[in-house]
């Protein structure tokens, strides 16, 4: 199931006038909960929902509650408290032990579709925006604020402004990664990244690589020589890159090109002694690189299959993109 906001909006935009819709947003949590404040879900009158606000425990009741929004076209706030024995969430046997408060809003032409079309456009153009939802207003009164409007450090969460409560959050475009090399081992990299909701661009100039239909998760495939791509727009937009052509010269060309990118993570497949050859071929040194090279690439997850290696690489990049520390949450692995 797709859970990133751009994926939800992609389906909604194609059906926004053929069905009735409700936007459900978690606006507050206390204690343990499956999703945190800011998580969103879109619900339609066919009984379908896109996204998840719980592990599947609350969705059917959220859908039932959402129907009231279609009746009066007003906002509705619902709460599930897993700490209270008399609460519905307790009776459902969820047992997470926390509280979740959810804002339900009807989505239609009369309320400008909650500006979701504009939000989709901005995210597609890879712009981060602030999405502001008025909690106290009876009728939906949402707003989009662009980050370039001197709001780079906007406060997020449930906030009181001029005697009104708003839920404010920054929504960012999906992580965007470039995969250099379209051999068989790149297939699980692209597939897992796509399952995560990341946007993937696949690059390989070699004949016989990047076979049609083989990399269904890639949103774009480029077959031009890497040295010809220095002015490509995507180069300044990517968050991470993986270099795995298994060819020293092509890997070198990819690393040279990536020195002009804005990637925060660059992973190179192969042992360090091979990397020395790649750097020499590209007239590069480790000290001259614009971003520290992740090499050997990935986390020590164990496993030798291509799928395990792909998971290892993507897990490391995921930690960098999401500002995680890649440590065991429970401390089980020390």
C-alpha atoms as a PDB file:
ATOM      1  CA  UNK A   1       0.000   0.000   0.000  1.00  0.00           C
ATOM      2  CA  UNK A   2       1.306   3.457  -0.931  1.00  0.00           C
ATOM      3  CA  UNK A   3       1.565   5.783   2.068  1.00  0.00           C
ATOM      4  CA  UNK A   4       3.562   8.809   0.941  1.00  0.00           C
ATOM      5  CA  UNK A   5       1.459  11.898   0.410  1.00  0.00           C
ATOM      6  CA  UNK A   6       2.433  12.278  -3.257  1.00  0.00           C
ATOM      7  CA  UNK A   7       1.241   8.719  -3.919  1.00  0.00           C
ATOM      8  CA  UNK A   8      -2.098   9.374  -2.214  1.00  0.00           C
ATOM      9  CA  UNK A   9      -2.572  12.574  -4.172  1.00  0.00           C
ATOM     10  CA  UNK A  10      -1.766  10.877  -7.469  1.00  0.00           C
ATOM     11  CA  UNK A  11      -4.742   8.542  -7.114  1.00  0.00           C
ATOM     12  CA  UNK A  12      -7.024  11.197  -5.629  1.00  0.00           C
ATOM     13  CA  UNK A  13      -6.378  13.699  -8.434  1.00  0.00           C
ATOM     14  CA  UNK A  14      -7.523  11.215 -11.070  1.00  0.00           C
ATOM     15  CA  UNK A  15     -10.809  10.601  -9.230  1.00  0.00           C
ATOM     16  CA  UNK A  16     -11.405  13.796  -7.274  1.00  0.00           C
ATOM     17  CA  UNK A  17     -14.746  14.618  -8.897  1.00  0.00           C
ATOM     18  CA  UNK A  18     -16.077  11.120  -9.482  1.00  0.00           C
ATOM     19  CA  UNK A  19     -16.168  10.228  -5.781  1.00  0.00           C
ATOM     20  CA  UNK A  20     -16.663  11.962  -2.455  1.00  0.00           C
ATOM     21  CA  UNK A  21     -13.479  12.285  -0.423  1.00  0.00           C
ATOM     22  CA  UNK A  22     -12.336  12.953   3.125  1.00  0.00           C
ATOM     23  CA  UNK A  23      -8.815  13.851   4.196  1.00  0.00           C
ATOM     24  CA  UNK A  24      -7.875  12.321   7.563  1.00  0.00           C
ATOM     25  CA  UNK A  25      -4.848  13.780   9.365  1.00  0.00           C
ATOM     26  CA  UNK A  26      -3.362  12.770  12.695  1.00  0.00           C
ATOM     27  CA  UNK A  27      -3.014  16.043  14.574  1.00  0.00           C
ATOM     28  CA  UNK A  28      -1.923  14.820  18.003  1.00  0.00           C
ATOM     29  CA  UNK A  29      -0.613  11.698  19.711  1.00  0.00           C
ATOM     30  CA  UNK A  30       0.310  10.810  23.248  1.00  0.00           C
ATOM     31  CA  UNK A  31       2.132   7.673  24.271  1.00  0.00           C
ATOM     32  CA  UNK A  32       2.560   4.838  21.787  1.00  0.00           C
ATOM     33  CA  UNK A  33       0.940   4.996  18.356  1.00  0.00           C
ATOM     34  CA  UNK A  34       1.564   3.352  14.997  1.00  0.00           C
ATOM     35  CA  UNK A  35       1.765   6.651  13.076  1.00  0.00           C
ATOM     36  CA  UNK A  36       2.705  10.070  14.411  1.00  0.00           C
ATOM     37  CA  UNK A  37       1.204  13.541  13.997  1.00  0.00           C
ATOM     38  CA  UNK A  38       1.152  14.590  10.356  1.00  0.00           C
ATOM     39  CA  UNK A  39       0.265  11.185   8.890  1.00  0.00           C
ATOM     40  CA  UNK A  40      -2.506  11.431   6.302  1.00  0.00           C
ATOM     41  CA  UNK A  41      -5.082   9.181   4.690  1.00  0.00           C
ATOM     42  CA  UNK A  42      -7.632   9.798   1.913  1.00  0.00           C
ATOM     43  CA  UNK A  43     -11.017   8.070   2.090  1.00  0.00           C
ATOM     44  CA  UNK A  44     -13.714   7.870  -0.569  1.00  0.00           C
ATOM     45  CA  UNK A  45     -17.405   6.939  -0.588  1.00  0.00           C
ATOM     46  CA  UNK A  46     -16.683   3.596  -2.260  1.00  0.00           C
ATOM     47  CA  UNK A  47     -15.232   2.416   1.040  1.00  0.00           C
ATOM     48  CA  UNK A  48     -11.651   2.715  -0.183  1.00  0.00           C
ATOM     49  CA  UNK A  49      -8.811   4.352   1.694  1.00  0.00           C
ATOM     50  CA  UNK A  50      -5.322   5.308   0.619  1.00  0.00           C
ATOM     51  CA  UNK A  51      -2.634   5.549   3.263  1.00  0.00           C
ATOM     52  CA  UNK A  52      -2.711   4.259   6.828  1.00  0.00           C
ATOM     53  CA  UNK A  53      -3.154   5.974  10.191  1.00  0.00           C
ATOM     54  CA  UNK A  54      -2.814   2.799  12.241  1.00  0.00           C
ATOM     55  CA  UNK A  55      -1.714  -0.751  11.661  1.00  0.00           C
ATOM     56  CA  UNK A  56      -5.120  -1.411  10.089  1.00  0.00           C
ATOM     57  CA  UNK A  57      -6.909  -1.431  13.457  1.00  0.00           C
ATOM     58  CA  UNK A  58      -8.741   1.901  13.248  1.00  0.00           C
ATOM     59  CA  UNK A  59      -9.258   2.377   9.528  1.00  0.00           C
ATOM     60  CA  UNK A  60     -12.737   0.850   9.321  1.00  0.00           C
ATOM     61  CA  UNK A  61     -14.031   3.036  12.155  1.00  0.00           C
ATOM     62  CA  UNK A  62     -12.298   6.126  10.750  1.00  0.00           C
ATOM     63  CA  UNK A  63     -14.123   5.447   7.473  1.00  0.00           C
ATOM     64  CA  UNK A  64     -17.433   5.203   9.328  1.00  0.00           C
ATOM     65  CA  UNK A  65     -16.774   8.489  11.112  1.00  0.00           C
ATOM     66  CA  UNK A  66     -15.741  10.145   7.845  1.00  0.00           C
ATOM     67  CA  UNK A  67     -19.235   9.694   6.404  1.00  0.00           C
ATOM     68  CA  UNK A  68     -20.524  12.415   8.740  1.00  0.00           C
ATOM     69  CA  UNK A  69     -18.263  14.892   6.950  1.00  0.00           C
ATOM     70  CA  UNK A  70     -20.126  14.256   3.722  1.00  0.00           C
ATOM     71  CA  UNK A  71     -23.438  14.896   5.477  1.00  0.00           C
ATOM     72  CA  UNK A  72     -22.612  18.372   6.818  1.00  0.00           C
ATOM     73  CA  UNK A  73     -19.432  19.252   4.854  1.00  0.00           C
ATOM     74  CA  UNK A  74     -17.748  20.238   8.113  1.00  0.00           C
ATOM     75  CA  UNK A  75     -14.510  19.409   9.895  1.00  0.00           C
ATOM     76  CA  UNK A  76     -14.696  16.673  12.474  1.00  0.00           C
ATOM     77  CA  UNK A  77     -12.131  15.718  15.135  1.00  0.00           C
ATOM     78  CA  UNK A  78     -12.168  12.170  16.476  1.00  0.00           C
ATOM     79  CA  UNK A  79     -10.049  10.616  19.194  1.00  0.00           C
ATOM     80  CA  UNK A  80      -8.983   7.078  20.016  1.00  0.00           C
ATOM     81  CA  UNK A  81      -7.512   6.576  23.469  1.00  0.00           C
ATOM     82  CA  UNK A  82      -5.912   3.173  23.957  1.00  0.00           C
ATOM     83  CA  UNK A  83      -5.315   4.080  27.608  1.00  0.00           C
ATOM     84  CA  UNK A  84      -9.011   4.177  28.556  1.00  0.00           C
ATOM     85  CA  UNK A  85     -10.917   0.925  29.013  1.00  0.00           C
ATOM     86  CA  UNK A  86     -14.199   2.534  27.949  1.00  0.00           C
ATOM     87  CA  UNK A  87     -12.775   3.913  24.704  1.00  0.00           C
ATOM     88  CA  UNK A  88     -13.566   2.222  21.389  1.00  0.00           C
ATOM     89  CA  UNK A  89      -9.858   1.711  20.702  1.00  0.00           C
ATOM     90  CA  UNK A  90      -9.553  -0.331  23.910  1.00  0.00           C
ATOM     91  CA  UNK A  91     -12.585  -2.419  22.960  1.00  0.00           C
ATOM     92  CA  UNK A  92     -11.047  -3.090  19.559  1.00  0.00           C
ATOM     93  CA  UNK A  93      -8.138  -4.680  21.387  1.00  0.00           C
ATOM     94  CA  UNK A  94      -5.502  -2.463  19.831  1.00  0.00           C
ATOM     95  CA  UNK A  95      -3.371  -2.260  22.943  1.00  0.00           C
ATOM     96  CA  UNK A  96      -0.806   0.305  21.750  1.00  0.00           C
ATOM     97  CA  UNK A  97      -1.311   2.202  24.979  1.00  0.00           C
ATOM     98  CA  UNK A  98      -1.495   5.704  23.494  1.00  0.00           C
ATOM     99  CA  UNK A  99      -3.908   8.351  22.261  1.00  0.00           C
ATOM    100  CA  UNK A 100      -4.478   9.434  18.652  1.00  0.00           C
ATOM    101  CA  UNK A 101      -6.452  12.517  17.636  1.00  0.00           C
ATOM    102  CA  UNK A 102      -7.521  12.767  13.991  1.00  0.00           C
ATOM    103  CA  UNK A 103      -8.897  15.644  11.938  1.00  0.00           C
ATOM    104  CA  UNK A 104     -11.412  14.664   9.232  1.00  0.00           C
ATOM    105  CA  UNK A 105     -12.088  17.133   6.418  1.00  0.00           C
ATOM    106  CA  UNK A 106     -14.378  16.800   3.385  1.00  0.00           C
ATOM    107  CA  UNK A 107     -12.604  17.436   0.082  1.00  0.00           C
ATOM    108  CA  UNK A 108     -14.596  19.096  -2.693  1.00  0.00           C
ATOM    109  CA  UNK A 109     -14.691  21.979  -5.160  1.00  0.00           C
ATOM    110  CA  UNK A 110     -16.504  24.253  -2.684  1.00  0.00           C
ATOM    111  CA  UNK A 111     -13.512  24.234  -0.305  1.00  0.00           C
ATOM    112  CA  UNK A 112     -10.969  24.342  -3.157  1.00  0.00           C
ATOM    113  CA  UNK A 113     -10.221  20.642  -2.581  1.00  0.00           C
ATOM    114  CA  UNK A 114      -8.318  21.719   0.556  1.00  0.00           C
ATOM    115  CA  UNK A 115      -5.635  22.975  -1.868  1.00  0.00           C
ATOM    116  CA  UNK A 116      -4.550  19.393  -2.429  1.00  0.00           C
ATOM    117  CA  UNK A 117      -4.140  19.985  -6.171  1.00  0.00           C
ATOM    118  CA  UNK A 118      -1.706  22.807  -5.436  1.00  0.00           C
ATOM    119  CA  UNK A 119       0.056  20.621  -2.895  1.00  0.00           C
ATOM    120  CA  UNK A 120       0.429  17.859  -5.467  1.00  0.00           C
ATOM    121  CA  UNK A 121       1.851  20.332  -7.990  1.00  0.00           C
ATOM    122  CA  UNK A 122       4.396  21.689  -5.518  1.00  0.00           C
ATOM    123  CA  UNK A 123       5.572  18.239  -4.454  1.00  0.00           C
ATOM    124  CA  UNK A 124       5.813  17.149  -8.086  1.00  0.00           C
ATOM    125  CA  UNK A 125       7.994  20.199  -8.715  1.00  0.00           C
ATOM    126  CA  UNK A 126      10.062  19.084  -5.714  1.00  0.00           C
ATOM    127  CA  UNK A 127       9.149  22.041  -3.554  1.00  0.00           C
ATOM    128  CA  UNK A 128       8.763  21.697   0.207  1.00  0.00           C
ATOM    129  CA  UNK A 129       5.713  23.512   1.565  1.00  0.00           C
ATOM    130  CA  UNK A 130       3.962  24.206   4.842  1.00  0.00           C
ATOM    131  CA  UNK A 131       0.445  22.810   5.040  1.00  0.00           C
ATOM    132  CA  UNK A 132      -1.758  24.654   7.539  1.00  0.00           C
ATOM    133  CA  UNK A 133      -5.086  23.218   8.701  1.00  0.00           C
ATOM    134  CA  UNK A 134      -7.510  25.206  10.866  1.00  0.00           C
ATOM    135  CA  UNK A 135      -8.798  22.903  13.600  1.00  0.00           C
ATOM    136  CA  UNK A 136     -11.308  25.307  15.138  1.00  0.00           C
ATOM    137  CA  UNK A 137     -13.070  26.319  11.930  1.00  0.00           C
ATOM    138  CA  UNK A 138     -16.331  24.431  11.378  1.00  0.00           C
ATOM    139  CA  UNK A 139     -15.707  24.335   7.666  1.00  0.00           C
ATOM    140  CA  UNK A 140     -12.330  23.401   6.147  1.00  0.00           C
ATOM    141  CA  UNK A 141      -9.971  26.352   5.935  1.00  0.00           C
ATOM    142  CA  UNK A 142      -6.593  25.046   4.844  1.00  0.00           C
ATOM    143  CA  UNK A 143      -3.644  26.957   3.464  1.00  0.00           C
ATOM    144  CA  UNK A 144      -0.368  26.297   1.648  1.00  0.00           C
ATOM    145  CA  UNK A 145       2.652  28.419   2.528  1.00  0.00           C
ATOM    146  CA  UNK A 146       5.752  28.171   0.392  1.00  0.00           C
ATOM    147  CA  UNK A 147       9.004  27.790   2.245  1.00  0.00           C
ATOM    148  CA  UNK A 148      10.692  30.544   0.280  1.00  0.00           C
ATOM    149  CA  UNK A 149       8.342  32.968   2.038  1.00  0.00           C
ATOM    150  CA  UNK A 150      10.896  33.388   4.865  1.00  0.00           C
ATOM    151  CA  UNK A 151       9.549  30.377   6.709  1.00  0.00           C
ATOM    152  CA  UNK A 152      12.414  27.932   6.478  1.00  0.00           C
ATOM    153  CA  UNK A 153      12.255  27.160  10.199  1.00  0.00           C
ATOM    154  CA  UNK A 154       8.477  27.123  10.638  1.00  0.00           C
ATOM    155  CA  UNK A 155       7.235  25.569  13.855  1.00  0.00           C
ATOM    156  CA  UNK A 156       5.175  22.431  13.351  1.00  0.00           C
ATOM    157  CA  UNK A 157       2.488  20.611  15.303  1.00  0.00           C
ATOM    158  CA  UNK A 158      -0.759  21.687  16.937  1.00  0.00           C
ATOM    159  CA  UNK A 159      -0.379  25.426  17.524  1.00  0.00           C
ATOM    160  CA  UNK A 160      -2.574  28.241  18.849  1.00  0.00           C
ATOM    161  CA  UNK A 161      -2.430  31.356  16.667  1.00  0.00           C
ATOM    162  CA  UNK A 162      -4.716  34.366  17.300  1.00  0.00           C
ATOM    163  CA  UNK A 163      -7.030  32.318  19.524  1.00  0.00           C
ATOM    164  CA  UNK A 164      -7.412  29.611  16.868  1.00  0.00           C
ATOM    165  CA  UNK A 165      -5.847  26.165  16.807  1.00  0.00           C
ATOM    166  CA  UNK A 166      -4.035  25.023  13.681  1.00  0.00           C
ATOM    167  CA  UNK A 167      -2.168  21.915  12.722  1.00  0.00           C
ATOM    168  CA  UNK A 168       0.942  22.909  10.798  1.00  0.00           C
ATOM    169  CA  UNK A 169       3.485  20.650   9.160  1.00  0.00           C
ATOM    170  CA  UNK A 170       6.163  20.797   6.496  1.00  0.00           C
ATOM    171  CA  UNK A 171       5.537  18.426   3.611  1.00  0.00           C
ATOM    172  CA  UNK A 172       8.523  17.432   1.524  1.00  0.00           C
ATOM    173  CA  UNK A 173       8.786  15.751  -1.861  1.00  0.00           C
ATOM    174  CA  UNK A 174       9.589  12.049  -1.858  1.00  0.00           C
ATOM    175  CA  UNK A 175      13.268  11.085  -1.642  1.00  0.00           C
ATOM    176  CA  UNK A 176      14.797  11.131  -5.113  1.00  0.00           C
ATOM    177  CA  UNK A 177      17.635   8.749  -5.909  1.00  0.00           C
ATOM    178  CA  UNK A 178      19.799   8.011  -8.922  1.00  0.00           C
ATOM    179  CA  UNK A 179      20.965   4.473  -9.630  1.00  0.00           C
ATOM    180  CA  UNK A 180      23.970   4.273 -11.944  1.00  0.00           C
ATOM    181  CA  UNK A 181      24.122   0.832 -13.502  1.00  0.00           C
ATOM    182  CA  UNK A 182      21.215  -1.251 -14.721  1.00  0.00           C
ATOM    183  CA  UNK A 183      22.475  -4.771 -14.265  1.00  0.00           C
ATOM    184  CA  UNK A 184      20.553  -7.554 -12.566  1.00  0.00           C
ATOM    185  CA  UNK A 185      21.688  -6.486  -9.081  1.00  0.00           C
ATOM    186  CA  UNK A 186      20.122  -3.057  -9.595  1.00  0.00           C
ATOM    187  CA  UNK A 187      16.665  -4.600  -9.942  1.00  0.00           C
ATOM    188  CA  UNK A 188      16.029  -5.120  -6.180  1.00  0.00           C
ATOM    189  CA  UNK A 189      17.517  -1.674  -5.458  1.00  0.00           C
ATOM    190  CA  UNK A 190      14.978  -0.020  -7.748  1.00  0.00           C
ATOM    191  CA  UNK A 191      12.126  -2.274  -6.617  1.00  0.00           C
ATOM    192  CA  UNK A 192      12.651  -1.713  -2.881  1.00  0.00           C
ATOM    193  CA  UNK A 193      13.168   2.022  -3.327  1.00  0.00           C
ATOM    194  CA  UNK A 194       9.930   2.255  -5.310  1.00  0.00           C
ATOM    195  CA  UNK A 195       8.109   0.289  -2.600  1.00  0.00           C
ATOM    196  CA  UNK A 196       9.348   2.883  -0.106  1.00  0.00           C
ATOM    197  CA  UNK A 197       7.707   5.552  -2.241  1.00  0.00           C
ATOM    198  CA  UNK A 198      11.029   6.975  -3.394  1.00  0.00           C
ATOM    199  CA  UNK A 199      11.419   8.344  -6.891  1.00  0.00           C
ATOM    200  CA  UNK A 200      14.110   6.539  -8.867  1.00  0.00           C
ATOM    201  CA  UNK A 201      16.044   7.558 -11.940  1.00  0.00           C
ATOM    202  CA  UNK A 202      18.033   4.762 -13.592  1.00  0.00           C
ATOM    203  CA  UNK A 203      21.114   5.449 -15.702  1.00  0.00           C
ATOM    204  CA  UNK A 204      23.140   3.184 -17.968  1.00  0.00           C
ATOM    205  CA  UNK A 205      24.486   4.003 -21.462  1.00  0.00           C
ATOM    206  CA  UNK A 206      25.317   0.394 -22.342  1.00  0.00           C
ATOM    207  CA  UNK A 207      23.406  -1.547 -24.962  1.00  0.00           C
ATOM    208  CA  UNK A 208      21.599  -4.511 -23.440  1.00  0.00           C
ATOM    209  CA  UNK A 209      21.222  -2.923 -20.006  1.00  0.00           C
ATOM    210  CA  UNK A 210      18.127  -1.255 -18.511  1.00  0.00           C
ATOM    211  CA  UNK A 211      15.912  -3.712 -20.357  1.00  0.00           C
ATOM    212  CA  UNK A 212      12.382  -2.564 -21.133  1.00  0.00           C
ATOM    213  CA  UNK A 213       9.929  -3.598 -18.422  1.00  0.00           C
ATOM    214  CA  UNK A 214      12.680  -4.963 -16.175  1.00  0.00           C
ATOM    215  CA  UNK A 215      12.842  -1.938 -13.868  1.00  0.00           C
ATOM    216  CA  UNK A 216       9.170  -1.086 -13.380  1.00  0.00           C
ATOM    217  CA  UNK A 217       9.863   0.992 -10.290  1.00  0.00           C
ATOM    218  CA  UNK A 218      12.052   3.519 -12.126  1.00  0.00           C
ATOM    219  CA  UNK A 219      10.209   6.672 -13.113  1.00  0.00           C
ATOM    220  CA  UNK A 220      12.834   7.496 -15.754  1.00  0.00           C
ATOM    221  CA  UNK A 221      15.597   5.638 -17.568  1.00  0.00           C
ATOM    222  CA  UNK A 222      18.513   7.535 -19.103  1.00  0.00           C
ATOM    223  CA  UNK A 223      20.835   5.904 -21.635  1.00  0.00           C
ATOM    224  CA  UNK A 224      23.113   8.845 -22.425  1.00  0.00           C
ATOM    225  CA  UNK A 225      26.825   8.832 -21.524  1.00  0.00           C
ATOM    226  CA  UNK A 226      27.249  10.166 -17.990  1.00  0.00           C
ATOM    227  CA  UNK A 227      29.614  12.969 -19.049  1.00  0.00           C
ATOM    228  CA  UNK A 228      26.823  14.481 -21.171  1.00  0.00           C
ATOM    229  CA  UNK A 229      24.472  14.923 -18.204  1.00  0.00           C
ATOM    230  CA  UNK A 230      26.223  17.693 -16.294  1.00  0.00           C
ATOM    231  CA  UNK A 231      23.415  20.200 -16.984  1.00  0.00           C
ATOM    232  CA  UNK A 232      20.561  17.801 -16.222  1.00  0.00           C
ATOM    233  CA  UNK A 233      17.916  19.288 -13.926  1.00  0.00           C
ATOM    234  CA  UNK A 234      17.604  16.140 -11.814  1.00  0.00           C
ATOM    235  CA  UNK A 235      21.275  16.335 -10.866  1.00  0.00           C
ATOM    236  CA  UNK A 236      20.526  19.242  -8.514  1.00  0.00           C
ATOM    237  CA  UNK A 237      17.429  17.526  -7.122  1.00  0.00           C
ATOM    238  CA  UNK A 238      18.562  14.057  -6.069  1.00  0.00           C
ATOM    239  CA  UNK A 239      18.978  13.179  -2.405  1.00  0.00           C
ATOM    240  CA  UNK A 240      21.138  10.098  -2.882  1.00  0.00           C
ATOM    241  CA  UNK A 241      22.925   8.072  -5.539  1.00  0.00           C
ATOM    242  CA  UNK A 242      24.172   4.520  -5.900  1.00  0.00           C
ATOM    243  CA  UNK A 243      27.006   3.702  -8.275  1.00  0.00           C
ATOM    244  CA  UNK A 244      27.006   0.047  -9.283  1.00  0.00           C
ATOM    245  CA  UNK A 245      27.894  -0.336 -12.948  1.00  0.00           C
ATOM    246  CA  UNK A 246      30.623  -2.919 -12.182  1.00  0.00           C
ATOM    247  CA  UNK A 247      32.771  -1.043 -14.686  1.00  0.00           C
ATOM    248  CA  UNK A 248      35.693   1.035 -13.412  1.00  0.00           C
ATOM    249  CA  UNK A 249      35.474   3.728 -16.103  1.00  0.00           C
ATOM    250  CA  UNK A 250      31.680   4.054 -15.881  1.00  0.00           C
ATOM    251  CA  UNK A 251      31.816   4.198 -12.088  1.00  0.00           C
ATOM    252  CA  UNK A 252      34.472   6.920 -12.390  1.00  0.00           C
ATOM    253  CA  UNK A 253      32.355   8.872 -14.867  1.00  0.00           C
ATOM    254  CA  UNK A 254      29.383   8.598 -12.512  1.00  0.00           C
ATOM    255  CA  UNK A 255      31.412   9.866  -9.533  1.00  0.00           C
ATOM    256  CA  UNK A 256      32.736  12.793 -11.574  1.00  0.00           C
ATOM    257  CA  UNK A 257      29.178  13.698 -12.584  1.00  0.00           C
ATOM    258  CA  UNK A 258      27.927  13.417  -8.998  1.00  0.00           C
ATOM    259  CA  UNK A 259      30.416  16.042  -7.853  1.00  0.00           C
ATOM    260  CA  UNK A 260      27.998  18.508  -9.489  1.00  0.00           C
ATOM    261  CA  UNK A 261      24.942  17.106  -7.701  1.00  0.00           C
ATOM    262  CA  UNK A 262      23.214  18.044  -4.456  1.00  0.00           C
ATOM    263  CA  UNK A 263      23.132  14.459  -3.208  1.00  0.00           C
ATOM    264  CA  UNK A 264      23.734  14.063   0.528  1.00  0.00           C
ATOM    265  CA  UNK A 265      24.614  10.406   0.132  1.00  0.00           C
ATOM    266  CA  UNK A 266      26.685   8.675  -2.546  1.00  0.00           C
ATOM    267  CA  UNK A 267      27.265   4.947  -2.260  1.00  0.00           C
ATOM    268  CA  UNK A 268      29.796   3.066  -4.371  1.00  0.00           C
ATOM    269  CA  UNK A 269      29.613  -0.702  -4.631  1.00  0.00           C
ATOM    270  CA  UNK A 270      32.843  -2.648  -4.263  1.00  0.00           C
ATOM    271  CA  UNK A 271      35.854  -3.004  -1.931  1.00  0.00           C
ATOM    272  CA  UNK A 272      38.147  -0.108  -1.083  1.00  0.00           C
ATOM    273  CA  UNK A 273      41.049  -1.312  -3.236  1.00  0.00           C
ATOM    274  CA  UNK A 274      38.765  -1.193  -6.283  1.00  0.00           C
ATOM    275  CA  UNK A 275      37.563   2.265  -5.243  1.00  0.00           C
ATOM    276  CA  UNK A 276      41.161   3.504  -5.467  1.00  0.00           C
ATOM    277  CA  UNK A 277      41.173   2.456  -9.115  1.00  0.00           C
ATOM    278  CA  UNK A 278      37.828   4.190  -9.708  1.00  0.00           C
ATOM    279  CA  UNK A 279      39.045   7.417  -8.139  1.00  0.00           C
ATOM    280  CA  UNK A 280      42.264   7.319 -10.154  1.00  0.00           C
ATOM    281  CA  UNK A 281      40.280   6.807 -13.356  1.00  0.00           C
ATOM    282  CA  UNK A 282      38.181   9.857 -12.539  1.00  0.00           C
ATOM    283  CA  UNK A 283      41.179  11.970 -11.450  1.00  0.00           C
ATOM    284  CA  UNK A 284      39.580  12.199  -8.021  1.00  0.00           C
ATOM    285  CA  UNK A 285      40.770  11.738  -4.460  1.00  0.00           C
ATOM    286  CA  UNK A 286      38.786  11.071  -1.331  1.00  0.00           C
ATOM    287  CA  UNK A 287      39.670  14.548  -0.084  1.00  0.00           C
ATOM    288  CA  UNK A 288      38.425  16.179  -3.275  1.00  0.00           C
ATOM    289  CA  UNK A 289      34.971  14.607  -3.140  1.00  0.00           C
ATOM    290  CA  UNK A 290      32.112  17.025  -2.448  1.00  0.00           C
ATOM    291  CA  UNK A 291      30.301  14.364  -0.387  1.00  0.00           C
ATOM    292  CA  UNK A 292      31.963  11.657   1.695  1.00  0.00           C
ATOM    293  CA  UNK A 293      31.785   8.400  -0.207  1.00  0.00           C
ATOM    294  CA  UNK A 294      29.923   5.486   1.382  1.00  0.00           C
ATOM    295  CA  UNK A 295      32.281   2.674   0.430  1.00  0.00           C
ATOM    296  CA  UNK A 296      32.009  -0.190   0.949  1.00  0.00           C
ATOM    297  CA  UNK A 297      28.364   0.768   0.692  1.00  0.00           C
ATOM    298  CA  UNK A 298      25.621  -0.284   3.109  1.00  0.00           C
ATOM    299  CA  UNK A 299      25.020  -1.466   6.656  1.00  0.00           C
ATOM    300  CA  UNK A 300      26.258  -4.766   8.086  1.00  0.00           C
ATOM    301  CA  UNK A 301      22.965  -6.634   7.842  1.00  0.00           C
ATOM    302  CA  UNK A 302      24.405  -9.956   6.755  1.00  0.00           C
ATOM    303  CA  UNK A 303      23.309 -11.923   3.711  1.00  0.00           C
ATOM    304  CA  UNK A 304      24.886 -12.292   0.286  1.00  0.00           C
ATOM    305  CA  UNK A 305      21.918 -12.303  -2.074  1.00  0.00           C
ATOM    306  CA  UNK A 306      21.319  -9.264  -4.340  1.00  0.00           C
ATOM    307  CA  UNK A 307      18.160  -8.507  -2.371  1.00  0.00           C
ATOM    308  CA  UNK A 308      20.099  -8.477   0.909  1.00  0.00           C
ATOM    309  CA  UNK A 309      22.773  -6.199  -0.563  1.00  0.00           C
ATOM    310  CA  UNK A 310      20.086  -3.869  -1.916  1.00  0.00           C
ATOM    311  CA  UNK A 311      18.395  -3.742   1.499  1.00  0.00           C
ATOM    312  CA  UNK A 312      21.738  -2.978   3.135  1.00  0.00           C
ATOM    313  CA  UNK A 313      22.469  -0.101   0.757  1.00  0.00           C
ATOM    314  CA  UNK A 314      19.002   1.386   0.930  1.00  0.00           C
ATOM    315  CA  UNK A 315      18.913   1.113   4.736  1.00  0.00           C
ATOM    316  CA  UNK A 316      22.059   3.227   5.012  1.00  0.00           C
ATOM    317  CA  UNK A 317      20.757   5.811   2.549  1.00  0.00           C
ATOM    318  CA  UNK A 318      17.392   5.821   4.355  1.00  0.00           C
ATOM    319  CA  UNK A 319      19.108   6.657   7.658  1.00  0.00           C
ATOM    320  CA  UNK A 320      20.919   9.577   6.014  1.00  0.00           C
ATOM    321  CA  UNK A 321      17.824  10.924   4.261  1.00  0.00           C
ATOM    322  CA  UNK A 322      15.593  10.598   7.339  1.00  0.00           C
ATOM    323  CA  UNK A 323      18.316  11.706   9.795  1.00  0.00           C
ATOM    324  CA  UNK A 324      18.334   8.389  11.637  1.00  0.00           C
ATOM    325  CA  UNK A 325      21.263   6.770  13.434  1.00  0.00           C
ATOM    326  CA  UNK A 326      20.752   3.235  12.017  1.00  0.00           C
ATOM    327  CA  UNK A 327      21.016   1.749  15.518  1.00  0.00           C
ATOM    328  CA  UNK A 328      18.885  -1.029  16.995  1.00  0.00           C
ATOM    329  CA  UNK A 329      15.845   0.559  18.657  1.00  0.00           C
ATOM    330  CA  UNK A 330      15.686  -2.045  21.401  1.00  0.00           C
ATOM    331  CA  UNK A 331      19.440  -2.282  21.798  1.00  0.00           C
ATOM    332  CA  UNK A 332      19.198  -5.965  20.855  1.00  0.00           C
ATOM    333  CA  UNK A 333      22.112  -5.481  18.481  1.00  0.00           C
ATOM    334  CA  UNK A 334      25.015  -3.868  20.228  1.00  0.00           C
END
